[in-house]
Amino acid sequence: MSAPAETAPLAGRHAVVTGASRGIGAAIAAALAAQGVRVSLLGRDAANLQRVSATLGGADRALPIVADVTDPASVQSAFAAARGRFGAVHFLVNNAGQAASAKFIDTDEALWNRLIAVNLTGTYLATRQAVPDMLAEGFGRIVNIASTAGVRGAAYISAYSSSKHAVIGLTRSLALEYAHRNITVNAVCPGYVDTDMVKAAIAAIKSKTGRSEAEALAALLATNPQRRLVAPREVADTVMWLLRPGSESVTGQSIILAGGEVT
């Protein structure tokens, strides 16, 4: 027997989650599936996508789709596959992203272009595919996973910070453009989250500074007044709130999850 609509208000909807093979994306996919949402899992790691799909009940509930969000043809093909299985897209979570740190004078065009391509252009391309469905359905919810780096700058991450600031600008513009069409667009801006990306940041600090792993972690935690990493589940819970009924008036916002780091 299916759950009543009032206890599972999202059931039967279709969500696309990019960067869904691990970390924040996998946590968001799990939260969606638990509410009866059919989830299309986009990412580049086929094996991990299959693993996530299996944990969520298999491809009948969570479809793994290998895609490169920086490639327009790949994104178009991925959304066609998603629609072919689950129909029109109601929810889009733009989670795919990359981070890298370097002095500005060492930030070459390759690094700059890579971060802009994944973090900003990938968000643009996926949103371009999803919005027509939402307009046709008269309903849509878009959540862009940005970063505290998108609301303030920081040394050594000029490319990353620029890409995330741009994502927030896109979020605000789309929110205004579609406010009268029952489509909301918001950004969630975590600080350091307990994911592979942060593990890579810790490794980079160790390599560049000679600090121990504990010292490198402490350097990251020093920015968070709660002195802890954000859990992927906390990001997923925030996304779910933005998708559920009751958040209709919340649009164009950048919701910060960083233990008070940014106020």
C-alpha atoms as a PDB file:
ATOM      1  CA  MET A   1       0.000   0.000   0.000  1.00  0.00           C
ATOM      2  CA  SER A   2       1.396   3.426  -0.939  1.00  0.00           C
ATOM      3  CA  ALA A   3       1.788   6.167   1.636  1.00  0.00           C
ATOM      4  CA  PRO A   4      -0.893   8.870   1.796  1.00  0.00           C
ATOM      5  CA  ALA A   5      -0.075  12.023  -0.164  1.00  0.00           C
ATOM      6  CA  GLU A   6       0.126  14.110   3.001  1.00  0.00           C
ATOM      7  CA  THR A   7       2.901  11.884   4.392  1.00  0.00           C
ATOM      8  CA  ALA A   8       4.749  11.433   1.092  1.00  0.00           C
ATOM      9  CA  PRO A   9       4.011  14.639  -0.834  1.00  0.00           C
ATOM     10  CA  LEU A  10       6.894  14.162  -3.267  1.00  0.00           C
ATOM     11  CA  ALA A  11       6.091  10.561  -4.212  1.00  0.00           C
ATOM     12  CA  GLY A  12       5.860   9.914  -7.943  1.00  0.00           C
ATOM     13  CA  ARG A  13       7.819  12.991  -8.941  1.00  0.00           C
ATOM     14  CA  HIS A  14      11.002  12.738 -11.025  1.00  0.00           C
ATOM     15  CA  ALA A  15      14.303  14.239  -9.869  1.00  0.00           C
ATOM     16  CA  VAL A  16      17.613  14.556 -11.690  1.00  0.00           C
ATOM     17  CA  VAL A  17      20.677  14.767  -9.462  1.00  0.00           C
ATOM     18  CA  THR A  18      24.054  15.520 -11.017  1.00  0.00           C
ATOM     19  CA  GLY A  19      27.258  14.381  -9.353  1.00  0.00           C
ATOM     20  CA  ALA A  20      25.207  11.580  -7.804  1.00  0.00           C
ATOM     21  CA  SER A  21      27.852   8.861  -7.566  1.00  0.00           C
ATOM     22  CA  ARG A  22      29.133   9.758  -4.089  1.00  0.00           C
ATOM     23  CA  GLY A  23      29.134  12.234  -1.225  1.00  0.00           C
ATOM     24  CA  ILE A  24      26.518  14.976  -1.216  1.00  0.00           C
ATOM     25  CA  GLY A  25      24.895  13.806  -4.445  1.00  0.00           C
ATOM     26  CA  ALA A  26      24.444  10.247  -3.196  1.00  0.00           C
ATOM     27  CA  ALA A  27      22.995  11.545   0.098  1.00  0.00           C
ATOM     28  CA  ILE A  28      20.504  13.726  -1.761  1.00  0.00           C
ATOM     29  CA  ALA A  29      19.516  10.828  -4.027  1.00  0.00           C
ATOM     30  CA  ALA A  30      18.927   8.617  -0.990  1.00  0.00           C
ATOM     31  CA  ALA A  31      16.755  11.259   0.679  1.00  0.00           C
ATOM     32  CA  LEU A  32      14.692  11.648  -2.491  1.00  0.00           C
ATOM     33  CA  ALA A  33      14.236   7.924  -2.996  1.00  0.00           C
ATOM     34  CA  ALA A  34      13.122   7.533   0.620  1.00  0.00           C
ATOM     35  CA  GLN A  35      10.246   9.894  -0.189  1.00  0.00           C
ATOM     36  CA  GLY A  36       9.131   7.890  -3.206  1.00  0.00           C
ATOM     37  CA  VAL A  37      10.769  10.160  -5.788  1.00  0.00           C
ATOM     38  CA  ARG A  38      12.081   8.505  -8.948  1.00  0.00           C
ATOM     39  CA  VAL A  39      15.694   9.594  -9.295  1.00  0.00           C
ATOM     40  CA  SER A  40      17.930   9.879 -12.336  1.00  0.00           C
ATOM     41  CA  LEU A  41      21.531   9.666 -11.144  1.00  0.00           C
ATOM     42  CA  LEU A  42      24.009  11.533 -13.352  1.00  0.00           C
ATOM     43  CA  GLY A  43      27.759  11.242 -12.985  1.00  0.00           C
ATOM     44  CA  ARG A  44      30.972  10.113 -14.634  1.00  0.00           C
ATOM     45  CA  ASP A  45      31.752   7.072 -12.461  1.00  0.00           C
ATOM     46  CA  ALA A  46      29.686   4.204 -13.846  1.00  0.00           C
ATOM     47  CA  ALA A  47      30.597   1.747 -11.099  1.00  0.00           C
ATOM     48  CA  ASN A  48      29.684   4.113  -8.284  1.00  0.00           C
ATOM     49  CA  LEU A  49      26.462   5.148 -10.025  1.00  0.00           C
ATOM     50  CA  GLN A  50      25.476   1.490 -10.245  1.00  0.00           C
ATOM     51  CA  ARG A  51      26.305   1.024  -6.567  1.00  0.00           C
ATOM     52  CA  VAL A  52      24.175   3.996  -5.525  1.00  0.00           C
ATOM     53  CA  SER A  53      21.316   2.814  -7.735  1.00  0.00           C
ATOM     54  CA  ALA A  54      21.444  -0.647  -6.174  1.00  0.00           C
ATOM     55  CA  THR A  55      21.249   0.762  -2.644  1.00  0.00           C
ATOM     56  CA  LEU A  56      18.135   2.729  -3.628  1.00  0.00           C
ATOM     57  CA  GLY A  57      16.250  -0.214  -5.077  1.00  0.00           C
ATOM     58  CA  GLY A  58      17.705  -0.576  -8.548  1.00  0.00           C
ATOM     59  CA  ALA A  59      17.134   1.153 -11.871  1.00  0.00           C
ATOM     60  CA  ASP A  60      13.339   1.002 -11.569  1.00  0.00           C
ATOM     61  CA  ARG A  61      13.639   3.591  -8.798  1.00  0.00           C
ATOM     62  CA  ALA A  62      17.065   5.182  -9.371  1.00  0.00           C
ATOM     63  CA  LEU A  63      18.425   5.185 -12.915  1.00  0.00           C
ATOM     64  CA  PRO A  64      22.224   5.477 -13.271  1.00  0.00           C
ATOM     65  CA  ILE A  65      23.266   7.563 -16.282  1.00  0.00           C
ATOM     66  CA  VAL A  66      26.890   8.219 -17.181  1.00  0.00           C
ATOM     67  CA  ALA A  67      27.204  11.836 -18.285  1.00  0.00           C
ATOM     68  CA  ASP A  68      29.699  14.680 -18.476  1.00  0.00           C
ATOM     69  CA  VAL A  69      27.967  17.894 -17.393  1.00  0.00           C
ATOM     70  CA  THR A  70      30.472  20.000 -19.346  1.00  0.00           C
ATOM     71  CA  ASP A  71      29.443  18.389 -22.669  1.00  0.00           C
ATOM     72  CA  PRO A  72      26.152  19.686 -24.157  1.00  0.00           C
ATOM     73  CA  ALA A  73      25.545  16.526 -26.188  1.00  0.00           C
ATOM     74  CA  SER A  74      26.187  14.307 -23.165  1.00  0.00           C
ATOM     75  CA  VAL A  75      23.794  16.320 -20.998  1.00  0.00           C
ATOM     76  CA  GLN A  76      21.108  16.288 -23.685  1.00  0.00           C
ATOM     77  CA  SER A  77      21.451  12.519 -24.105  1.00  0.00           C
ATOM     78  CA  ALA A  78      21.335  11.989 -20.333  1.00  0.00           C
ATOM     79  CA  PHE A  79      18.117  13.943 -19.940  1.00  0.00           C
ATOM     80  CA  ALA A  80      16.567  12.099 -22.865  1.00  0.00           C
ATOM     81  CA  ALA A  81      17.371   8.806 -21.117  1.00  0.00           C
ATOM     82  CA  ALA A  82      15.987  10.143 -17.839  1.00  0.00           C
ATOM     83  CA  ARG A  83      12.722  11.238 -19.449  1.00  0.00           C
ATOM     84  CA  GLY A  84      12.465   7.974 -21.305  1.00  0.00           C
ATOM     85  CA  ARG A  85      12.429   6.088 -18.011  1.00  0.00           C
ATOM     86  CA  PHE A  86      10.678   8.423 -15.574  1.00  0.00           C
ATOM     87  CA  GLY A  87       8.957  11.140 -17.620  1.00  0.00           C
ATOM     88  CA  ALA A  88       9.127  14.896 -17.175  1.00  0.00           C
ATOM     89  CA  VAL A  89      11.654  16.341 -14.744  1.00  0.00           C
ATOM     90  CA  HIS A  90      10.115  18.014 -11.680  1.00  0.00           C
ATOM     91  CA  PHE A  91      13.206  18.446  -9.507  1.00  0.00           C
ATOM     92  CA  LEU A  92      16.762  19.273 -10.537  1.00  0.00           C
ATOM     93  CA  VAL A  93      19.662  19.257  -8.092  1.00  0.00           C
ATOM     94  CA  ASN A  94      22.825  20.621  -9.693  1.00  0.00           C
ATOM     95  CA  ASN A  95      25.417  19.033  -7.439  1.00  0.00           C
ATOM     96  CA  ALA A  96      28.259  18.118  -9.819  1.00  0.00           C
ATOM     97  CA  GLY A  97      31.312  20.186  -8.986  1.00  0.00           C
ATOM     98  CA  GLN A  98      35.060  20.339  -8.679  1.00  0.00           C
ATOM     99  CA  ALA A  99      37.394  22.287  -6.423  1.00  0.00           C
ATOM    100  CA  ALA A 100      41.054  23.192  -6.646  1.00  0.00           C
ATOM    101  CA  SER A 101      43.347  25.640  -4.874  1.00  0.00           C
ATOM    102  CA  ALA A 102      46.276  27.590  -6.265  1.00  0.00           C
ATOM    103  CA  LYS A 103      47.848  30.985  -5.992  1.00  0.00           C
ATOM    104  CA  PHE A 104      46.262  33.333  -8.503  1.00  0.00           C
ATOM    105  CA  ILE A 105      49.482  33.637 -10.505  1.00  0.00           C
ATOM    106  CA  ASP A 106      49.594  29.831 -10.688  1.00  0.00           C
ATOM    107  CA  THR A 107      45.952  29.578 -11.798  1.00  0.00           C
ATOM    108  CA  ASP A 108      46.437  28.899 -15.483  1.00  0.00           C
ATOM    109  CA  GLU A 109      43.732  28.915 -18.133  1.00  0.00           C
ATOM    110  CA  ALA A 110      43.318  25.157 -17.971  1.00  0.00           C
ATOM    111  CA  LEU A 111      42.479  25.221 -14.261  1.00  0.00           C
ATOM    112  CA  TRP A 112      40.251  28.275 -14.630  1.00  0.00           C
ATOM    113  CA  ASN A 113      38.344  26.830 -17.587  1.00  0.00           C
ATOM    114  CA  ARG A 114      37.926  23.415 -15.930  1.00  0.00           C
ATOM    115  CA  LEU A 115      36.305  24.807 -12.794  1.00  0.00           C
ATOM    116  CA  ILE A 116      34.084  27.203 -14.733  1.00  0.00           C
ATOM    117  CA  ALA A 117      33.060  24.358 -17.065  1.00  0.00           C
ATOM    118  CA  VAL A 118      32.073  21.925 -14.328  1.00  0.00           C
ATOM    119  CA  ASN A 119      30.675  24.256 -11.686  1.00  0.00           C
ATOM    120  CA  LEU A 120      28.971  26.911 -13.807  1.00  0.00           C
ATOM    121  CA  THR A 121      28.507  25.637 -17.344  1.00  0.00           C
ATOM    122  CA  GLY A 122      27.430  22.228 -16.060  1.00  0.00           C
ATOM    123  CA  THR A 123      24.734  23.917 -13.979  1.00  0.00           C
ATOM    124  CA  TYR A 124      23.642  25.961 -16.981  1.00  0.00           C
ATOM    125  CA  LEU A 125      23.460  22.979 -19.339  1.00  0.00           C
ATOM    126  CA  ALA A 126      21.460  20.777 -16.963  1.00  0.00           C
ATOM    127  CA  THR A 127      19.080  23.611 -16.122  1.00  0.00           C
ATOM    128  CA  ARG A 128      18.524  24.337 -19.816  1.00  0.00           C
ATOM    129  CA  GLN A 129      17.371  20.733 -20.205  1.00  0.00           C
ATOM    130  CA  ALA A 130      15.104  20.707 -17.153  1.00  0.00           C
ATOM    131  CA  VAL A 131      13.298  24.048 -17.415  1.00  0.00           C
ATOM    132  CA  PRO A 132      11.164  23.202 -20.490  1.00  0.00           C
ATOM    133  CA  ASP A 133       9.736  20.185 -18.631  1.00  0.00           C
ATOM    134  CA  MET A 134       8.976  22.344 -15.596  1.00  0.00           C
ATOM    135  CA  LEU A 135       7.267  24.979 -17.714  1.00  0.00           C
ATOM    136  CA  ALA A 136       5.134  22.322 -19.394  1.00  0.00           C
ATOM    137  CA  GLU A 137       4.254  20.743 -16.040  1.00  0.00           C
ATOM    138  CA  GLY A 138       3.522  24.086 -14.373  1.00  0.00           C
ATOM    139  CA  PHE A 139       5.814  23.087 -11.514  1.00  0.00           C
ATOM    140  CA  GLY A 140       9.522  22.869 -10.840  1.00  0.00           C
ATOM    141  CA  ARG A 141      12.127  23.037  -8.119  1.00  0.00           C
ATOM    142  CA  ILE A 142      15.810  23.684  -8.851  1.00  0.00           C
ATOM    143  CA  VAL A 143      18.489  23.552  -6.174  1.00  0.00           C
ATOM    144  CA  ASN A 144      22.075  24.452  -7.004  1.00  0.00           C
ATOM    145  CA  ILE A 145      24.764  23.199  -4.640  1.00  0.00           C
ATOM    146  CA  ALA A 146      27.095  26.169  -4.350  1.00  0.00           C
ATOM    147  CA  SER A 147      29.475  26.901  -1.458  1.00  0.00           C
ATOM    148  CA  THR A 148      30.366  29.445   1.165  1.00  0.00           C
ATOM    149  CA  ALA A 149      33.001  30.362  -1.424  1.00  0.00           C
ATOM    150  CA  GLY A 150      30.096  31.623  -3.523  1.00  0.00           C
ATOM    151  CA  VAL A 151      29.150  34.298  -0.988  1.00  0.00           C
ATOM    152  CA  ARG A 152      32.611  35.462   0.028  1.00  0.00           C
ATOM    153  CA  GLY A 153      36.081  35.241  -1.435  1.00  0.00           C
ATOM    154  CA  ALA A 154      39.074  33.438  -0.011  1.00  0.00           C
ATOM    155  CA  ALA A 155      42.753  33.323  -0.810  1.00  0.00           C
ATOM    156  CA  TYR A 156      44.050  30.656  -3.208  1.00  0.00           C
ATOM    157  CA  ILE A 157      40.635  29.668  -4.599  1.00  0.00           C
ATOM    158  CA  SER A 158      39.993  32.464  -7.087  1.00  0.00           C
ATOM    159  CA  ALA A 159      38.756  30.118  -9.839  1.00  0.00           C
ATOM    160  CA  TYR A 160      36.566  28.051  -7.537  1.00  0.00           C
ATOM    161  CA  SER A 161      35.139  31.081  -5.762  1.00  0.00           C
ATOM    162  CA  SER A 162      34.436  32.837  -9.060  1.00  0.00           C
ATOM    163  CA  SER A 163      32.576  29.810 -10.409  1.00  0.00           C
ATOM    164  CA  LYS A 164      30.423  29.511  -7.290  1.00  0.00           C
ATOM    165  CA  HIS A 165      29.674  33.249  -7.172  1.00  0.00           C
ATOM    166  CA  ALA A 166      28.474  32.874 -10.752  1.00  0.00           C
ATOM    167  CA  VAL A 167      26.224  29.947  -9.797  1.00  0.00           C
ATOM    168  CA  ILE A 168      24.580  32.139  -7.173  1.00  0.00           C
ATOM    169  CA  GLY A 169      24.113  34.902  -9.729  1.00  0.00           C
ATOM    170  CA  LEU A 170      22.463  32.413 -12.083  1.00  0.00           C
ATOM    171  CA  THR A 171      20.273  31.185  -9.217  1.00  0.00           C
ATOM    172  CA  ARG A 172      19.026  34.681  -8.424  1.00  0.00           C
ATOM    173  CA  SER A 173      18.358  35.557 -12.054  1.00  0.00           C
ATOM    174  CA  LEU A 174      16.410  32.369 -12.800  1.00  0.00           C
ATOM    175  CA  ALA A 175      14.405  32.722  -9.595  1.00  0.00           C
ATOM    176  CA  LEU A 176      13.133  36.104 -10.773  1.00  0.00           C
ATOM    177  CA  GLU A 177      12.542  34.953 -14.336  1.00  0.00           C
ATOM    178  CA  TYR A 178      10.357  32.011 -13.295  1.00  0.00           C
ATOM    179  CA  ALA A 179       8.821  33.285 -10.052  1.00  0.00           C
ATOM    180  CA  HIS A 180       5.393  33.529 -11.704  1.00  0.00           C
ATOM    181  CA  ARG A 181       5.613  30.041 -13.249  1.00  0.00           C
ATOM    182  CA  ASN A 182       5.615  27.966 -10.040  1.00  0.00           C
ATOM    183  CA  ILE A 183       9.334  27.239 -10.421  1.00  0.00           C
ATOM    184  CA  THR A 184      11.647  28.033  -7.525  1.00  0.00           C
ATOM    185  CA  VAL A 185      15.422  28.250  -7.823  1.00  0.00           C
ATOM    186  CA  ASN A 186      17.659  28.266  -4.761  1.00  0.00           C
ATOM    187  CA  ALA A 187      21.268  27.617  -3.804  1.00  0.00           C
ATOM    188  CA  VAL A 188      22.581  25.657  -0.853  1.00  0.00           C
ATOM    189  CA  CYS A 189      26.013  26.827   0.262  1.00  0.00           C
ATOM    190  CA  PRO A 190      27.865  24.381   2.508  1.00  0.00           C
ATOM    191  CA  GLY A 191      31.174  24.991   4.181  1.00  0.00           C
ATOM    192  CA  TYR A 192      33.565  22.061   4.407  1.00  0.00           C
ATOM    193  CA  VAL A 193      31.577  18.813   4.084  1.00  0.00           C
ATOM    194  CA  ASP A 194      32.757  15.340   5.047  1.00  0.00           C
ATOM    195  CA  THR A 195      33.279  14.125   1.478  1.00  0.00           C
ATOM    196  CA  ASP A 196      36.029  12.927  -0.854  1.00  0.00           C
ATOM    197  CA  MET A 197      36.512  16.539  -1.979  1.00  0.00           C
ATOM    198  CA  VAL A 198      37.501  17.569   1.544  1.00  0.00           C
ATOM    199  CA  LYS A 199      39.726  14.511   1.881  1.00  0.00           C
ATOM    200  CA  ALA A 200      41.505  15.708  -1.271  1.00  0.00           C
ATOM    201  CA  ALA A 201      41.848  19.189   0.245  1.00  0.00           C
ATOM    202  CA  ILE A 202      43.422  17.697   3.369  1.00  0.00           C
ATOM    203  CA  ALA A 203      45.842  15.701   1.231  1.00  0.00           C
ATOM    204  CA  ALA A 204      46.775  18.852  -0.683  1.00  0.00           C
ATOM    205  CA  ILE A 205      47.465  20.743   2.536  1.00  0.00           C
ATOM    206  CA  LYS A 206      49.675  17.890   3.763  1.00  0.00           C
ATOM    207  CA  SER A 207      51.581  17.813   0.484  1.00  0.00           C
ATOM    208  CA  LYS A 208      52.114  21.559   0.198  1.00  0.00           C
ATOM    209  CA  THR A 209      52.793  22.402   3.850  1.00  0.00           C
ATOM    210  CA  GLY A 210      54.167  19.237   5.416  1.00  0.00           C
ATOM    211  CA  ARG A 211      51.464  19.279   8.097  1.00  0.00           C
ATOM    212  CA  SER A 212      50.030  16.034   9.462  1.00  0.00           C
ATOM    213  CA  GLU A 213      46.545  14.902   8.479  1.00  0.00           C
ATOM    214  CA  ALA A 214      45.224  15.968  11.898  1.00  0.00           C
ATOM    215  CA  GLU A 215      46.833  19.398  11.530  1.00  0.00           C
ATOM    216  CA  ALA A 216      45.445  19.806   8.025  1.00  0.00           C
ATOM    217  CA  LEU A 217      41.954  18.888   9.203  1.00  0.00           C
ATOM    218  CA  ALA A 218      42.263  21.302  12.120  1.00  0.00           C
ATOM    219  CA  ALA A 219      43.155  24.094   9.689  1.00  0.00           C
ATOM    220  CA  LEU A 220      39.906  23.483   7.808  1.00  0.00           C
ATOM    221  CA  LEU A 221      37.811  23.142  10.955  1.00  0.00           C
ATOM    222  CA  ALA A 222      39.185  26.431  12.280  1.00  0.00           C
ATOM    223  CA  THR A 223      36.924  28.273   9.825  1.00  0.00           C
ATOM    224  CA  ASN A 224      33.784  26.674  11.310  1.00  0.00           C
ATOM    225  CA  PRO A 225      32.700  28.034  14.725  1.00  0.00           C
ATOM    226  CA  GLN A 226      31.228  24.595  15.514  1.00  0.00           C
ATOM    227  CA  ARG A 227      34.649  23.068  14.779  1.00  0.00           C
ATOM    228  CA  ARG A 228      33.272  20.218  12.702  1.00  0.00           C
ATOM    229  CA  LEU A 229      32.685  19.135   9.127  1.00  0.00           C
ATOM    230  CA  VAL A 230      29.153  19.400   7.763  1.00  0.00           C
ATOM    231  CA  ALA A 231      27.568  15.983   7.172  1.00  0.00           C
ATOM    232  CA  PRO A 232      26.277  15.194   3.652  1.00  0.00           C
ATOM    233  CA  ARG A 233      22.931  14.310   5.272  1.00  0.00           C
ATOM    234  CA  GLU A 234      22.601  17.918   6.501  1.00  0.00           C
ATOM    235  CA  VAL A 235      22.922  19.191   2.933  1.00  0.00           C
ATOM    236  CA  ALA A 236      20.395  16.597   1.759  1.00  0.00           C
ATOM    237  CA  ASP A 237      17.929  17.599   4.480  1.00  0.00           C
ATOM    238  CA  THR A 238      18.157  21.248   3.416  1.00  0.00           C
ATOM    239  CA  VAL A 239      17.563  20.326  -0.217  1.00  0.00           C
ATOM    240  CA  MET A 240      14.535  18.249   0.766  1.00  0.00           C
ATOM    241  CA  TRP A 241      13.040  21.176   2.659  1.00  0.00           C
ATOM    242  CA  LEU A 242      13.309  23.324  -0.470  1.00  0.00           C
ATOM    243  CA  LEU A 243      11.516  20.655  -2.504  1.00  0.00           C
ATOM    244  CA  ARG A 244       8.649  19.955  -0.100  1.00  0.00           C
ATOM    245  CA  PRO A 245       5.334  21.823   0.015  1.00  0.00           C
ATOM    246  CA  GLY A 246       5.547  24.780   2.359  1.00  0.00           C
ATOM    247  CA  SER A 247       8.657  26.320   0.807  1.00  0.00           C
ATOM    248  CA  GLU A 248       6.926  27.837  -2.209  1.00  0.00           C
ATOM    249  CA  SER A 249       7.820  31.416  -1.275  1.00  0.00           C
ATOM    250  CA  VAL A 250      11.510  30.582  -0.848  1.00  0.00           C
ATOM    251  CA  THR A 251      13.260  31.368  -4.119  1.00  0.00           C
ATOM    252  CA  GLY A 252      16.433  33.138  -5.164  1.00  0.00           C
ATOM    253  CA  GLN A 253      18.017  32.357  -1.795  1.00  0.00           C
ATOM    254  CA  SER A 254      21.490  31.173  -0.832  1.00  0.00           C
ATOM    255  CA  ILE A 255      21.156  29.024   2.274  1.00  0.00           C
ATOM    256  CA  ILE A 256      24.425  28.692   4.154  1.00  0.00           C
ATOM    257  CA  LEU A 257      25.370  25.519   6.070  1.00  0.00           C
ATOM    258  CA  ALA A 258      28.621  26.326   7.818  1.00  0.00           C
ATOM    259  CA  GLY A 259      28.115  26.378  11.577  1.00  0.00           C
ATOM    260  CA  GLY A 260      28.007  30.165  11.721  1.00  0.00           C
ATOM    261  CA  GLU A 261      31.107  30.724   9.580  1.00  0.00           C
ATOM    262  CA  VAL A 262      29.215  33.165   7.338  1.00  0.00           C
ATOM    263  CA  THR A 263      26.446  35.307   8.806  1.00  0.00           C
END
